[in-house]
Protein backbone atom coordinates (compact mmCIF):
# COMPACT_ATOMS: atom_id res chain seq x y z
CA MET A 1 -14.11 28.37 12.81
CA ILE A 2 -14.63 25.68 15.68
CA GLU A 3 -12.84 26.46 19.01
CA ILE A 4 -10.49 23.54 19.88
CA ASP A 5 -8.74 23.15 22.92
CA HIS A 6 -5.23 22.10 21.27
CA ALA A 7 -3.36 21.78 24.63
CA ASN A 8 -5.82 19.53 26.06
CA ILE A 9 -6.09 17.38 23.06
CA PHE A 10 -2.62 16.79 22.87
CA LYS A 11 -2.22 16.31 26.48
CA THR A 12 -4.59 13.51 26.20
CA TRP A 13 -3.03 12.14 23.09
CA ASP A 14 0.46 12.12 24.62
CA LEU A 15 -0.58 10.40 27.75
CA GLY A 16 -2.21 7.83 25.57
CA ALA A 17 0.91 7.47 23.59
CA ARG A 18 2.91 6.68 26.74
CA GLN A 19 0.38 4.20 27.84
CA GLY A 20 0.23 2.27 24.59
CA CYS A 21 -3.35 3.78 24.08
CA PHE A 22 -2.72 5.69 20.68
CA PRO A 23 -2.68 4.34 17.18
CA MET A 24 0.71 2.36 16.98
CA LEU A 25 1.76 0.97 13.58
CA ASP A 26 4.48 -1.41 14.99
CA ASN A 27 2.16 -2.69 18.11
CA GLY A 28 4.15 -5.99 19.15
CA TYR A 29 0.99 -7.91 18.97
CA TYR A 30 -0.11 -6.86 15.53
CA TYR A 31 1.25 -7.46 12.21
CA HIS A 32 0.26 -4.01 10.28
CA ALA A 33 -1.26 -4.24 6.87
CA ASP A 34 -2.99 -0.90 5.88
CA GLN A 35 -4.67 2.34 7.28
CA LYS A 36 -7.09 4.90 6.78
CA LEU A 37 -7.68 8.33 8.55
CA THR A 38 -11.06 10.15 8.03
CA ILE A 39 -11.96 13.70 9.28
CA PHE A 40 -15.50 14.57 9.74
CA ARG A 41 -16.93 18.07 10.43
CA ASP A 42 -19.44 20.53 10.04
CA ASP A 43 -19.91 24.08 11.57
CA THR A 44 -20.13 22.93 15.20
CA ARG A 45 -18.93 19.19 15.35
CA TRP A 46 -15.82 17.16 14.42
CA ALA A 47 -14.56 13.85 14.71
CA ILE A 48 -11.30 11.75 13.41
CA LEU A 49 -11.38 8.07 12.49
CA ILE A 50 -8.39 6.42 12.31
CA GLU A 51 -8.59 2.66 11.15
CA LEU A 52 -5.87 0.11 11.12
CA LEU A 53 -6.21 -3.34 9.31
CA GLN A 54 -3.83 -5.46 11.19
CA PHE A 55 -3.42 -9.21 12.15
CA ASN A 56 -3.14 -10.34 15.78
CA ASN A 57 -0.16 -12.63 16.12
CA HIS A 58 -1.67 -14.61 19.19
CA LEU A 59 -4.43 -15.93 16.72
CA ALA A 60 -3.96 -18.52 13.87
CA ASP A 61 -6.48 -18.00 11.20
CA LEU A 62 -8.93 -15.32 9.74
CA GLU A 63 -10.05 -14.78 13.47
CA GLY A 64 -6.85 -12.72 13.86
CA ILE A 65 -7.71 -10.07 11.07
CA PHE A 66 -9.07 -6.97 12.65
CA THR A 67 -10.05 -3.48 11.68
CA VAL A 68 -8.94 -1.48 14.86
CA ALA A 69 -10.82 1.77 15.07
CA TRP A 70 -9.84 4.79 17.17
CA PHE A 71 -12.43 7.64 17.29
CA PHE A 72 -11.41 11.02 18.30
CA LYS A 73 -14.08 13.78 18.51
CA ASP A 74 -15.52 16.77 20.02
CA GLY A 75 -16.14 16.26 23.77
CA LEU A 76 -12.48 14.89 24.23
CA ILE A 77 -12.04 16.62 27.74
CA THR A 78 -9.92 14.65 29.91
CA PRO A 79 -6.77 12.27 29.69
CA LYS A 80 -8.85 9.91 31.65
CA SER A 81 -11.46 9.77 29.04
CA ASN A 82 -12.19 6.37 27.34
CA VAL A 83 -11.94 7.96 23.99
CA LEU A 84 -8.31 6.38 23.82
CA ARG A 85 -9.81 2.79 23.85
CA PRO A 86 -9.85 1.42 20.18
CA ASP A 87 -12.84 -0.74 19.00
CA PHE A 88 -12.11 -4.06 17.28
CA PHE A 89 -13.92 -5.31 14.29
CA GLU A 90 -13.85 -8.62 12.51
CA PHE A 91 -15.10 -8.80 9.08
CA ALA A 92 -13.38 -11.87 7.38
CA ALA A 93 -14.88 -15.36 7.49
CA ASN A 94 -14.19 -18.59 5.70
CA ALA A 95 -16.11 -19.08 2.56
CA ASP A 96 -15.63 -22.45 0.40
CA THR A 97 -13.43 -24.19 2.87
CA GLU A 98 -11.05 -23.37 5.64
CA ALA A 99 -8.66 -20.77 4.35
CA PHE A 100 -5.97 -21.63 6.92
CA LEU A 101 -4.41 -25.00 7.90
CA GLN A 102 -2.55 -25.74 11.13
CA ASP A 103 0.93 -27.19 11.21
CA GLU A 104 0.43 -29.10 14.40
CA THR A 105 4.41 -29.81 14.68
CA ALA A 106 5.65 -26.04 14.05
CA TYR A 107 2.53 -24.45 15.76
CA PHE A 108 1.74 -22.04 12.96
CA SER A 109 -0.98 -21.73 10.46
CA TYR A 110 -0.55 -21.19 6.78
CA LEU A 111 -2.86 -20.57 3.59
CA ASN A 112 -4.82 -23.50 2.61
CA PRO A 113 -3.66 -24.35 -0.95
CA ASP A 114 -7.29 -25.60 -1.69
CA ALA A 115 -8.92 -22.40 -0.54
CA VAL A 116 -10.24 -20.28 -3.33
CA SER A 117 -11.95 -17.46 -1.38
CA ILE A 118 -13.17 -15.68 1.79
CA LYS A 119 -15.98 -13.66 2.72
CA VAL A 120 -15.55 -9.94 3.92
CA LYS A 121 -18.91 -8.46 4.98
CA GLY A 122 -20.71 -11.18 2.97
CA ILE A 123 -18.59 -10.16 -0.06
CA ILE A 124 -16.50 -12.84 -1.78
CA LEU A 125 -12.76 -11.99 -2.18
CA PRO A 126 -10.69 -14.45 -4.39
CA ILE A 127 -7.62 -15.94 -2.49
CA PRO A 128 -4.38 -15.13 -4.07
CA GLN A 129 -2.25 -18.34 -4.20
CA ASN A 130 0.49 -17.57 -6.40
CA LEU A 131 3.82 -16.82 -4.58
CA SER A 132 4.69 -14.45 -7.29
CA HIS A 133 1.71 -12.21 -6.13
CA TYR A 134 3.03 -11.73 -2.83
CA ALA A 135 6.85 -11.35 -4.15
CA ALA A 136 5.48 -8.60 -6.32
CA LYS A 137 4.35 -6.74 -3.11
CA GLY A 138 7.79 -7.16 -1.48
CA ILE A 139 6.34 -9.88 0.82
CA GLU A 140 9.05 -12.22 1.98
CA PRO A 141 7.70 -15.45 3.21
CA ALA A 142 8.50 -16.38 6.98
CA VAL A 143 8.23 -20.16 5.95
CA GLN A 144 9.45 -21.05 2.59
CA GLY A 145 6.73 -22.30 0.31
CA LYS A 146 3.84 -21.29 2.60
CA ILE A 147 1.88 -18.10 3.12
CA MET A 148 1.45 -16.89 6.57
CA PRO A 149 -2.06 -15.17 7.73
CA TRP A 150 -0.52 -11.64 8.03
CA GLU A 151 1.32 -12.42 4.54
CA PHE A 152 -2.16 -13.14 3.10
CA LEU A 153 -3.65 -10.17 4.48
CA ARG A 154 -1.01 -7.80 3.31
CA GLY A 155 -1.38 -9.53 -0.31
CA LEU A 156 -5.00 -8.21 -0.27
CA VAL A 157 -3.68 -4.64 0.13
CA PRO A 158 -4.46 -2.07 -1.21
CA GLU A 159 -6.90 -3.64 -3.91
CA HIS A 160 -9.35 -5.00 -1.23
CA SER A 161 -8.51 -2.76 1.66
CA HIS A 162 -11.90 -0.73 1.21
CA GLN A 163 -13.83 -4.05 2.03
CA PHE A 164 -12.38 -4.00 5.62
CA TRP A 165 -12.99 -0.31 6.25
CA LEU A 166 -16.03 0.81 8.70
CA GLY A 167 -19.24 1.79 6.99
CA PRO A 168 -22.18 3.93 8.33
CA ASN A 169 -23.52 1.04 10.51
CA GLU A 170 -20.24 0.52 12.16
CA ILE A 171 -19.44 4.18 13.08
CA ALA A 172 -23.03 5.11 14.01
CA ASP A 173 -22.40 4.53 17.57
CA GLN A 174 -19.40 7.05 17.74
CA ILE A 175 -19.98 9.45 14.79
CA PRO A 176 -23.30 10.93 13.88
CA THR A 177 -24.34 9.71 10.39
CA ASP A 178 -25.17 13.23 9.31
CA LEU A 179 -21.46 14.42 9.95
CA PRO A 180 -20.03 14.96 6.56
CA VAL A 181 -16.60 13.86 5.73
CA LEU A 182 -14.04 16.77 5.10
CA LEU A 183 -10.83 14.85 4.37
CA THR A 184 -9.74 11.08 3.96
CA LEU A 185 -6.24 10.02 4.09
CA HIS A 186 -4.81 6.75 3.20
CA ASP A 187 -1.22 7.57 3.80
CA TRP A 188 0.56 10.14 6.21
CA HIS A 189 3.43 10.60 8.33
CA HIS A 190 2.79 8.69 11.70
CA PRO A 191 4.63 9.27 15.00
CA ASP A 192 6.70 6.26 16.10
CA ILE A 193 4.80 5.67 19.37
CA ALA A 194 7.17 2.67 20.48
CA ASN A 195 10.12 4.98 20.27
CA ARG A 196 8.24 7.71 22.33
CA GLU A 197 7.45 10.22 19.67
CA LYS A 198 4.61 12.40 20.69
CA PRO A 199 1.36 13.08 18.75
CA SER A 200 1.85 16.82 19.95
CA ALA A 201 5.15 16.93 17.96
CA SER A 202 3.73 15.43 14.92
CA GLU A 203 3.34 17.79 11.94
CA THR A 204 0.44 15.59 10.78
CA PHE A 205 -1.60 16.05 13.76
CA LEU A 206 -0.87 19.62 14.33
CA GLN A 207 -1.93 20.27 10.74
CA LEU A 208 -5.00 17.96 10.87
CA LEU A 209 -6.12 19.89 14.10
CA LYS A 210 -5.78 23.17 12.13
CA VAL A 211 -7.88 21.62 9.24
CA ILE A 212 -10.69 20.73 11.78
CA GLU A 213 -10.45 24.22 13.48
CA THR A 214 -10.85 25.94 10.15
CA GLY A 215 -12.43 23.54 8.06
CA ASP A 216 -9.85 24.41 5.23
CA VAL A 217 -8.18 21.21 4.09
CA THR A 218 -5.24 23.14 2.41
CA HIS A 219 -3.84 23.53 6.08
CA TYR A 220 -2.85 19.67 5.63
CA SER A 221 0.38 20.27 3.61
CA PRO A 222 2.83 17.78 4.78
CA THR A 223 6.47 18.33 4.32
CA LYS A 224 7.47 14.78 5.77
CA PRO A 225 7.03 11.63 3.53
CA ALA A 226 4.24 9.14 4.24
CA ASN A 227 5.57 6.18 6.23
CA THR A 228 2.40 4.27 7.08
CA HIS A 229 3.24 1.50 4.84
CA TRP A 230 3.81 -1.84 6.72
CA LYS A 231 7.32 -2.21 5.56
CA ASN A 232 8.33 0.85 7.49
CA TRP A 233 7.15 -0.81 11.00
CA PRO A 234 9.00 -3.97 11.16
CA GLY A 235 8.48 -4.44 14.88
CA GLY A 236 4.84 -5.06 14.32
CA GLY A 237 3.87 -8.55 15.33
CA SER A 238 7.29 -9.30 17.00
CA LEU A 239 6.09 -10.12 20.43
């Protein structure tokens, strides 16, 4: 059993949520694509890593693709802690040619029809060009006949999401490399931070703290359906 100060953790998270400093799936500046939550734990230490794969709507091409990482861990003591500040990782780069072209008259970028692939952490990923690929994933084009950067990113999910998640080298500064993984979630019921839902009232996070406290993953037994899919957060990227 690990001793956890539930009240103080939730006080910190709730304050962060009010200030826009808690993982938000409908952040007005980011189109949401995918997510991952990992709990690390041993007999004396714990950490939660929440990763959001998102596109910054103020950028025009692959530079807008970010893995936004939130680290919560033992030692979370005060609501003033910098633990609520996320880290941003950029893993995507052009490969054979520029992945996106700029429409100089309408001021938006779109997928280059001649682009074949991109690189993610040095790994070559094929670029889906067929519009039916995106339609099959429920992606409706914002501009007829063109694929916007966030639509392209969502078109890579979930088959290639794992290429964007953090590896040992990326988490080493925040989480000890010898701390084992206890639980991994790819979907869960997330609080609607933009509509002032509190982490402290979230069944998900209440149960996850119990998992951390006891080391027993059966304490995570959600009754609410997962809502993390990007279609549930239409406000993302709208600002």
